[in-house]
Amino acid sequence: MNVTLHDKSLEVRLTAAAHKALARRTAPLVAEMELLFSCLLRKRVHFGESAEQSTPVNDRLAVRFRPLMTRRCSVAEGGASPPSERFPLENPRPYVPNWLAIDFRRGEWVGDFGYAASSSFWRVRSGVLAEALMQSSYIPVGMCQGKKKVPWA
């Protein structure tokens, strides 16, 4: 399935278990892709029912993208909810993921999202880091290639 977020196509991938669990729901599920900018980049998928500022994929699923920035760089404060704030992106399109994968395991929703290796924003010095971006939740910001190492600089 595909949906458009900020003029960019997002491929939504559901496992068979996720399809079955969605079919049993009475209210739509909202998958929120969170991208946290700090010393490291952190990506997480949160699940809930609040459809505010979400884009419907179908009658059972909606998605949204939420970029956050920590108030200061402190890995020790990383935890589940570091002190952070929303920040407006003039053009969020380059930061919107290319894909979102959703599963339903042991009674819990599980999600991950990622970027195409060819995306110019995520071009990096090492192919190993590009693989880490697609597989991991934390990426060192300083390893990103280009004139600007962080999106707000």
C-alpha atoms as a PDB file:
ATOM      1  CA  MET A   1       0.000   0.000   0.000  1.00  0.00           C
ATOM      2  CA  ASN A   2       1.136   3.533  -0.662  1.00  0.00           C
ATOM      3  CA  VAL A   3       0.096   6.864   0.806  1.00  0.00           C
ATOM      4  CA  THR A   4       1.379  10.393   0.196  1.00  0.00           C
ATOM      5  CA  LEU A   5       2.859  12.371   3.096  1.00  0.00           C
ATOM      6  CA  HIS A   6       4.189  15.883   2.403  1.00  0.00           C
ATOM      7  CA  ASP A   7       4.202  15.219  -1.356  1.00  0.00           C
ATOM      8  CA  LYS A   8       6.284  12.052  -0.922  1.00  0.00           C
ATOM      9  CA  SER A   9       5.173   8.471  -1.425  1.00  0.00           C
ATOM     10  CA  LEU A  10       5.324   6.247   1.649  1.00  0.00           C
ATOM     11  CA  GLU A  11       5.122   2.485   1.131  1.00  0.00           C
ATOM     12  CA  VAL A  12       3.205   0.837   3.988  1.00  0.00           C
ATOM     13  CA  ARG A  13       4.082  -2.825   4.512  1.00  0.00           C
ATOM     14  CA  LEU A  14       1.855  -5.003   6.698  1.00  0.00           C
ATOM     15  CA  THR A  15       2.564  -8.553   7.797  1.00  0.00           C
ATOM     16  CA  ALA A  16      -0.220 -11.142   7.645  1.00  0.00           C
ATOM     17  CA  ALA A  17      -0.579 -10.851  11.442  1.00  0.00           C
ATOM     18  CA  ALA A  18      -0.961  -7.059  11.160  1.00  0.00           C
ATOM     19  CA  HIS A  19      -3.632  -7.447   8.449  1.00  0.00           C
ATOM     20  CA  LYS A  20      -5.600  -9.824  10.702  1.00  0.00           C
ATOM     21  CA  ALA A  21      -5.266  -7.594  13.782  1.00  0.00           C
ATOM     22  CA  LEU A  22      -6.341  -4.497  11.821  1.00  0.00           C
ATOM     23  CA  ALA A  23      -9.405  -6.334  10.513  1.00  0.00           C
ATOM     24  CA  ARG A  24     -10.479  -7.049  14.122  1.00  0.00           C
ATOM     25  CA  ARG A  25     -10.249  -3.385  15.203  1.00  0.00           C
ATOM     26  CA  THR A  26     -13.318  -1.210  15.622  1.00  0.00           C
ATOM     27  CA  ALA A  27     -11.355   2.073  15.595  1.00  0.00           C
ATOM     28  CA  PRO A  28      -8.598   2.983  13.124  1.00  0.00           C
ATOM     29  CA  LEU A  29      -5.008   2.469  14.264  1.00  0.00           C
ATOM     30  CA  VAL A  30      -2.653   5.450  13.924  1.00  0.00           C
ATOM     31  CA  ALA A  31       1.042   4.745  13.332  1.00  0.00           C
ATOM     32  CA  GLU A  32       3.210   7.743  14.169  1.00  0.00           C
ATOM     33  CA  MET A  33       6.739   7.785  12.770  1.00  0.00           C
ATOM     34  CA  GLU A  34       8.916   9.841  15.108  1.00  0.00           C
ATOM     35  CA  LEU A  35      12.323  11.127  13.998  1.00  0.00           C
ATOM     36  CA  LEU A  36      14.299  12.670  16.869  1.00  0.00           C
ATOM     37  CA  PHE A  37      17.197  14.982  16.013  1.00  0.00           C
ATOM     38  CA  SER A  38      19.910  15.242  18.680  1.00  0.00           C
ATOM     39  CA  CYS A  39      23.516  14.074  18.998  1.00  0.00           C
ATOM     40  CA  LEU A  40      22.118  10.967  17.348  1.00  0.00           C
ATOM     41  CA  LEU A  41      19.102  10.454  15.155  1.00  0.00           C
ATOM     42  CA  ARG A  42      16.486   8.226  16.710  1.00  0.00           C
ATOM     43  CA  LYS A  43      13.558   6.714  14.881  1.00  0.00           C
ATOM     44  CA  ARG A  44      10.539   5.133  16.547  1.00  0.00           C
ATOM     45  CA  VAL A  45       7.018   4.126  15.629  1.00  0.00           C
ATOM     46  CA  HIS A  46       4.280   4.854  18.172  1.00  0.00           C
ATOM     47  CA  PHE A  47       0.791   3.385  17.890  1.00  0.00           C
ATOM     48  CA  GLY A  48      -2.463   4.898  19.104  1.00  0.00           C
ATOM     49  CA  GLU A  49      -5.935   6.008  18.087  1.00  0.00           C
ATOM     50  CA  SER A  50      -5.678   9.810  18.020  1.00  0.00           C
ATOM     51  CA  ALA A  51      -6.115  10.647  14.338  1.00  0.00           C
ATOM     52  CA  GLU A  52      -5.080  14.303  14.735  1.00  0.00           C
ATOM     53  CA  GLN A  53      -2.855  15.409  11.823  1.00  0.00           C
ATOM     54  CA  SER A  54      -2.754  11.883  10.392  1.00  0.00           C
ATOM     55  CA  THR A  55      -3.222  10.693   6.828  1.00  0.00           C
ATOM     56  CA  PRO A  56      -5.570   7.748   6.232  1.00  0.00           C
ATOM     57  CA  VAL A  57      -4.085   4.733   4.478  1.00  0.00           C
ATOM     58  CA  ASN A  58      -7.431   2.928   4.516  1.00  0.00           C
ATOM     59  CA  ASP A  59     -10.452   2.726   6.842  1.00  0.00           C
ATOM     60  CA  ARG A  60      -8.445   0.817   9.484  1.00  0.00           C
ATOM     61  CA  LEU A  61      -5.035   2.567   9.393  1.00  0.00           C
ATOM     62  CA  ALA A  62      -3.691   6.128   9.378  1.00  0.00           C
ATOM     63  CA  VAL A  63      -0.110   7.422   9.522  1.00  0.00           C
ATOM     64  CA  ARG A  64       1.697  10.597  10.498  1.00  0.00           C
ATOM     65  CA  PHE A  65       5.271  11.854  10.627  1.00  0.00           C
ATOM     66  CA  ARG A  66       6.560  13.764  13.654  1.00  0.00           C
ATOM     67  CA  PRO A  67      10.041  15.296  13.734  1.00  0.00           C
ATOM     68  CA  LEU A  68      11.377  16.249  17.183  1.00  0.00           C
ATOM     69  CA  MET A  69      14.528  17.955  18.397  1.00  0.00           C
ATOM     70  CA  THR A  70      16.106  17.640  21.852  1.00  0.00           C
ATOM     71  CA  ARG A  71      16.680  20.853  23.777  1.00  0.00           C
ATOM     72  CA  ARG A  72      20.318  19.911  24.285  1.00  0.00           C
ATOM     73  CA  CYS A  73      22.662  17.100  23.349  1.00  0.00           C
ATOM     74  CA  SER A  74      22.837  14.569  26.172  1.00  0.00           C
ATOM     75  CA  VAL A  75      22.985  10.869  25.461  1.00  0.00           C
ATOM     76  CA  ALA A  76      22.328  10.194  29.176  1.00  0.00           C
ATOM     77  CA  GLU A  77      18.864  11.778  28.804  1.00  0.00           C
ATOM     78  CA  GLY A  78      18.084   9.605  25.778  1.00  0.00           C
ATOM     79  CA  GLY A  79      15.650   7.267  27.515  1.00  0.00           C
ATOM     80  CA  ALA A  80      12.072   6.844  26.421  1.00  0.00           C
ATOM     81  CA  SER A  81      11.198  10.551  26.425  1.00  0.00           C
ATOM     82  CA  PRO A  82      14.179  12.928  26.368  1.00  0.00           C
ATOM     83  CA  PRO A  83      13.400  16.636  26.859  1.00  0.00           C
ATOM     84  CA  SER A  84      12.359  17.588  23.366  1.00  0.00           C
ATOM     85  CA  GLU A  85      10.114  19.815  21.351  1.00  0.00           C
ATOM     86  CA  ARG A  86       8.437  19.817  17.993  1.00  0.00           C
ATOM     87  CA  PHE A  87      10.080  22.039  15.484  1.00  0.00           C
ATOM     88  CA  PRO A  88       8.685  23.266  12.196  1.00  0.00           C
ATOM     89  CA  LEU A  89      10.351  22.034   9.061  1.00  0.00           C
ATOM     90  CA  GLU A  90      10.063  24.400   6.156  1.00  0.00           C
ATOM     91  CA  ASN A  91      10.173  21.420   3.820  1.00  0.00           C
ATOM     92  CA  PRO A  92       9.608  18.093   5.632  1.00  0.00           C
ATOM     93  CA  ARG A  93       9.586  16.098   2.377  1.00  0.00           C
ATOM     94  CA  PRO A  94      13.306  15.052   2.494  1.00  0.00           C
ATOM     95  CA  TYR A  95      12.830  13.668   6.026  1.00  0.00           C
ATOM     96  CA  VAL A  96       9.653  11.690   5.384  1.00  0.00           C
ATOM     97  CA  PRO A  97      10.546   7.981   5.254  1.00  0.00           C
ATOM     98  CA  ASN A  98      10.234   5.880   2.105  1.00  0.00           C
ATOM     99  CA  TRP A  99       8.668   2.909   3.876  1.00  0.00           C
ATOM    100  CA  LEU A 100       6.835   1.916   7.049  1.00  0.00           C
ATOM    101  CA  ALA A 101       6.633  -1.731   8.147  1.00  0.00           C
ATOM    102  CA  ILE A 102       3.994  -2.819  10.682  1.00  0.00           C
ATOM    103  CA  ASP A 103       3.633  -6.155  12.458  1.00  0.00           C
ATOM    104  CA  PHE A 104       1.488  -7.487  15.302  1.00  0.00           C
ATOM    105  CA  ARG A 105       3.474  -9.749  17.667  1.00  0.00           C
ATOM    106  CA  ARG A 106       2.461 -11.197  21.032  1.00  0.00           C
ATOM    107  CA  GLY A 107      -0.509  -8.837  21.237  1.00  0.00           C
ATOM    108  CA  GLU A 108       1.582  -5.694  20.538  1.00  0.00           C
ATOM    109  CA  TRP A 109       1.965  -3.467  17.498  1.00  0.00           C
ATOM    110  CA  VAL A 110       5.552  -3.293  16.243  1.00  0.00           C
ATOM    111  CA  GLY A 111       6.822  -0.890  13.599  1.00  0.00           C
ATOM    112  CA  ASP A 112       9.901   0.332  11.820  1.00  0.00           C
ATOM    113  CA  PHE A 113      10.529   2.838   9.061  1.00  0.00           C
ATOM    114  CA  GLY A 114      13.405   3.631   6.769  1.00  0.00           C
ATOM    115  CA  TYR A 115      14.844   5.455   3.840  1.00  0.00           C
ATOM    116  CA  ALA A 116      15.905   4.391   0.361  1.00  0.00           C
ATOM    117  CA  ALA A 117      19.684   4.120   0.098  1.00  0.00           C
ATOM    118  CA  SER A 118      19.616   6.474  -2.904  1.00  0.00           C
ATOM    119  CA  SER A 119      17.991   9.326  -0.958  1.00  0.00           C
ATOM    120  CA  SER A 120      20.299  12.339  -1.324  1.00  0.00           C
ATOM    121  CA  PHE A 121      19.769  13.533   2.263  1.00  0.00           C
ATOM    122  CA  TRP A 122      20.909  10.210   3.687  1.00  0.00           C
ATOM    123  CA  ARG A 123      23.950   9.785   1.435  1.00  0.00           C
ATOM    124  CA  VAL A 124      26.801   9.003   3.798  1.00  0.00           C
ATOM    125  CA  ARG A 125      30.540   8.450   3.762  1.00  0.00           C
ATOM    126  CA  SER A 126      30.229   4.729   4.336  1.00  0.00           C
ATOM    127  CA  GLY A 127      27.859   2.114   2.992  1.00  0.00           C
ATOM    128  CA  VAL A 128      27.946   0.536   6.446  1.00  0.00           C
ATOM    129  CA  LEU A 129      26.301   3.625   7.936  1.00  0.00           C
ATOM    130  CA  ALA A 130      23.612   3.593   5.252  1.00  0.00           C
ATOM    131  CA  GLU A 131      22.828   0.009   6.251  1.00  0.00           C
ATOM    132  CA  ALA A 132      22.786   1.066   9.913  1.00  0.00           C
ATOM    133  CA  LEU A 133      20.241   3.774   9.113  1.00  0.00           C
ATOM    134  CA  MET A 134      17.937   1.233   7.570  1.00  0.00           C
ATOM    135  CA  GLN A 135      18.389  -1.302  10.381  1.00  0.00           C
ATOM    136  CA  SER A 136      18.990   0.705  13.569  1.00  0.00           C
ATOM    137  CA  SER A 137      17.228   3.229  15.748  1.00  0.00           C
ATOM    138  CA  TYR A 138      20.249   5.461  16.486  1.00  0.00           C
ATOM    139  CA  ILE A 139      22.495   7.106  13.880  1.00  0.00           C
ATOM    140  CA  PRO A 140      25.383   9.531  14.603  1.00  0.00           C
ATOM    141  CA  VAL A 141      24.359  12.863  13.036  1.00  0.00           C
ATOM    142  CA  GLY A 142      27.952  13.881  12.301  1.00  0.00           C
ATOM    143  CA  MET A 143      28.314  10.975   9.867  1.00  0.00           C
ATOM    144  CA  CYS A 144      25.835  12.454   7.394  1.00  0.00           C
ATOM    145  CA  GLN A 145      27.512  13.885   4.301  1.00  0.00           C
ATOM    146  CA  GLY A 146      26.896  17.329   2.911  1.00  0.00           C
ATOM    147  CA  LYS A 147      27.325  20.992   3.734  1.00  0.00           C
ATOM    148  CA  LYS A 148      24.838  20.847   6.586  1.00  0.00           C
ATOM    149  CA  LYS A 149      25.247  18.057   9.086  1.00  0.00           C
ATOM    150  CA  VAL A 150      21.932  18.684  10.827  1.00  0.00           C
ATOM    151  CA  PRO A 151      18.658  19.803   9.266  1.00  0.00           C
ATOM    152  CA  TRP A 152      18.311  23.004  11.304  1.00  0.00           C
ATOM    153  CA  ALA A 153      21.856  24.340  10.720  1.00  0.00           C
END
